[in-house]
Protein backbone atom coordinates (compact mmCIF):
# COMPACT_ATOMS: atom_id res chain seq x y z
CA MET A 1 -48.14 -4.33 -20.59
CA HIS A 2 -46.84 -2.25 -23.09
CA PRO A 3 -44.34 -3.42 -25.51
CA TYR A 4 -41.67 -1.09 -23.44
CA MET A 5 -42.67 -2.59 -20.18
CA ASN A 6 -38.98 -4.50 -20.62
CA HIS A 7 -37.18 -1.41 -21.71
CA ILE A 8 -38.73 0.60 -18.66
CA GLN A 9 -37.69 -2.21 -16.28
CA LEU A 10 -34.51 -2.84 -17.43
CA GLY A 11 -33.39 1.26 -17.41
CA TYR A 12 -34.38 1.16 -13.54
CA PHE A 13 -32.26 -1.79 -13.38
CA GLY A 14 -29.76 -0.16 -14.93
CA LEU A 15 -29.54 3.35 -12.63
CA LEU A 16 -28.80 0.50 -9.58
CA PRO A 17 -25.07 0.50 -10.23
CA PHE A 18 -24.59 4.28 -10.35
CA LEU A 19 -26.96 4.24 -7.12
CA ALA A 20 -24.67 2.07 -5.41
CA CYS A 21 -21.25 4.23 -6.16
CA VAL A 22 -22.69 7.40 -5.06
CA PHE A 23 -23.86 5.55 -1.66
CA TRP A 24 -20.61 3.27 -1.21
CA PRO A 25 -18.72 6.43 0.27
CA LEU A 26 -21.11 7.18 2.66
CA LEU A 27 -21.23 3.70 4.30
CA LEU A 28 -17.59 2.39 3.56
CA GLY A 29 -15.66 6.10 3.08
CA SER A 30 -14.86 7.98 0.08
CA SER A 31 -12.48 6.04 -2.01
CA ILE A 32 -10.67 6.31 -5.49
CA THR A 33 -11.83 2.84 -6.40
CA ALA A 34 -15.51 4.10 -5.86
CA ILE A 35 -15.13 6.78 -8.10
CA ASP A 36 -13.73 4.69 -10.70
CA THR A 37 -15.86 1.93 -10.95
CA PHE A 38 -18.45 4.46 -11.16
CA ILE A 39 -16.62 5.83 -14.27
CA TYR A 40 -16.27 2.74 -15.77
CA TYR A 41 -19.66 1.47 -15.83
CA SER A 42 -21.07 5.07 -16.87
CA LEU A 43 -18.27 4.76 -19.59
CA GLY A 44 -19.94 1.38 -20.73
CA ILE A 45 -23.44 2.66 -20.06
CA LEU A 46 -23.39 5.70 -22.33
CA ALA A 47 -21.40 4.27 -24.62
CA PHE A 48 -24.53 1.65 -25.22
CA MET A 49 -27.15 3.96 -24.67
CA ALA A 50 -25.12 6.48 -27.78
CA GLY A 51 -25.09 2.60 -29.46
CA THR A 52 -28.58 2.39 -29.57
CA LEU A 53 -29.29 5.24 -31.23
CA TRP A 54 -26.90 4.27 -34.28
CA ARG A 55 -29.46 2.30 -36.17
CA ALA A 56 -27.53 1.34 -39.61
CA GLY A 57 -29.45 1.74 -43.39
CA GLU A 58 -32.24 3.76 -41.12
CA GLN A 59 -30.42 7.20 -40.82
CA SER A 60 -28.51 9.89 -42.51
CA ASN A 61 -24.49 9.25 -42.03
CA THR A 62 -24.40 12.80 -40.41
CA HIS A 63 -27.15 11.63 -37.96
CA ALA A 64 -25.50 7.91 -37.48
CA VAL A 65 -21.87 9.99 -36.87
CA MET A 66 -24.08 12.15 -34.34
CA ALA A 67 -25.18 9.29 -32.57
CA VAL A 68 -21.73 7.69 -31.41
CA LEU A 69 -19.75 11.49 -31.59
CA VAL A 70 -19.97 11.30 -27.36
CA VAL A 71 -17.88 8.01 -27.57
CA ILE A 72 -15.85 9.35 -29.96
CA PRO A 73 -13.17 10.73 -27.47
CA PHE A 74 -13.51 7.58 -24.93
CA PRO A 75 -9.72 6.72 -25.39
CA LEU A 76 -8.35 10.17 -24.73
CA LEU A 77 -10.55 9.96 -21.13
CA ALA A 78 -7.77 8.45 -19.69
CA ILE A 79 -5.16 10.85 -19.95
CA PHE A 80 -7.55 13.30 -18.17
CA ASP A 81 -8.19 13.49 -14.09
CA SER A 82 -11.12 11.98 -12.96
CA SER A 83 -12.97 15.63 -12.56
CA VAL A 84 -12.53 16.31 -16.05
CA VAL A 85 -14.03 12.85 -16.78
CA LEU A 86 -16.99 12.89 -14.34
CA LEU A 87 -18.03 16.21 -16.03
CA TYR A 88 -17.56 14.99 -19.55
CA LEU A 89 -19.67 12.28 -18.84
CA ALA A 90 -22.12 14.20 -17.05
CA LEU A 91 -22.85 16.31 -20.04
CA SER A 92 -22.81 13.47 -22.34
CA TYR A 93 -26.02 11.69 -21.14
CA PRO A 94 -28.00 14.98 -21.60
CA ILE A 95 -26.85 15.37 -24.70
CA VAL A 96 -27.79 12.10 -26.34
CA LEU A 97 -31.07 12.21 -24.90
CA VAL A 98 -31.52 15.70 -26.78
CA PHE A 99 -30.39 13.65 -29.84
CA GLU A 100 -32.58 10.77 -29.40
CA ARG A 101 -35.39 13.28 -28.85
CA GLY A 102 -34.80 14.45 -32.41
CA MET A 103 -35.16 11.56 -33.99
CA ALA A 104 -38.29 10.52 -35.93
CA ALA A 105 -38.33 7.29 -33.78
CA TRP A 106 -39.31 9.21 -30.45
CA GLN A 107 -42.58 9.71 -31.32
CA ASN A 108 -43.81 6.53 -31.60
CA TYR A 109 -42.32 6.00 -28.52
CA HIS A 110 -44.82 4.99 -25.43
CA LYS A 111 -44.96 7.78 -23.66
CA ASP A 112 -43.86 5.70 -19.79
CA TYR A 113 -40.58 5.10 -21.73
CA GLN A 114 -40.09 8.83 -22.76
CA LYS A 115 -40.73 10.14 -19.00
CA MET A 116 -38.03 7.05 -18.25
CA ARG A 117 -35.92 8.60 -20.28
CA TYR A 118 -36.29 12.07 -18.61
CA VAL A 119 -35.97 10.53 -14.92
CA LEU A 120 -33.07 8.06 -15.78
CA THR A 121 -30.91 10.97 -17.70
CA SER A 122 -31.79 13.30 -14.77
CA VAL A 123 -30.99 10.89 -12.02
CA VAL A 124 -27.94 9.84 -13.64
CA PHE A 125 -26.75 13.49 -13.98
CA VAL A 126 -26.91 14.46 -10.23
CA CYS A 127 -25.60 11.11 -9.32
CA HIS A 128 -22.45 12.39 -11.89
CA LEU A 129 -22.39 15.61 -9.62
CA PHE A 130 -22.15 13.73 -6.45
CA MET A 131 -19.20 11.36 -7.47
CA LEU A 132 -17.86 15.17 -9.22
CA ALA A 133 -17.92 16.13 -5.71
CA GLN A 134 -16.44 13.00 -4.19
CA SER A 135 -13.48 13.25 -6.79
CA ILE A 136 -12.64 17.15 -5.99
CA GLU A 137 -12.83 16.33 -2.59
CA LEU A 138 -10.48 13.58 -2.73
CA SER A 139 -7.98 15.47 -4.92
CA ARG A 140 -7.47 18.14 -2.09
CA GLY A 141 -6.73 15.42 0.72
């Protein structure tokens, strides 16, 4: 077992709440509670992902700021409609992945970990699009 196996398993387990929120409306009907739960979980995971890239003392100040740039507007997201927040979050995950790929440490990551990051980012992005569609549908009704 390679040293990134725990990271890979935890990454896939972290996907379960995203998927549960996406499938929630199929089982129980659409609700703002499902959307809000999804948003809160997504905010927490995005903050965690950005935080893992912020390696104090190992990078320049510019890279340190760029690592957490996506979480700086979090307090402002409270004033926006859930559709805007979901769109912001959907776009933030690929941005974090692009930033992570640009770091020197990316080359040292196991290929399975790199693949996992691509898969998770793609699935999380699509989950956000599903929730965005639900949010738009609820706002119309």
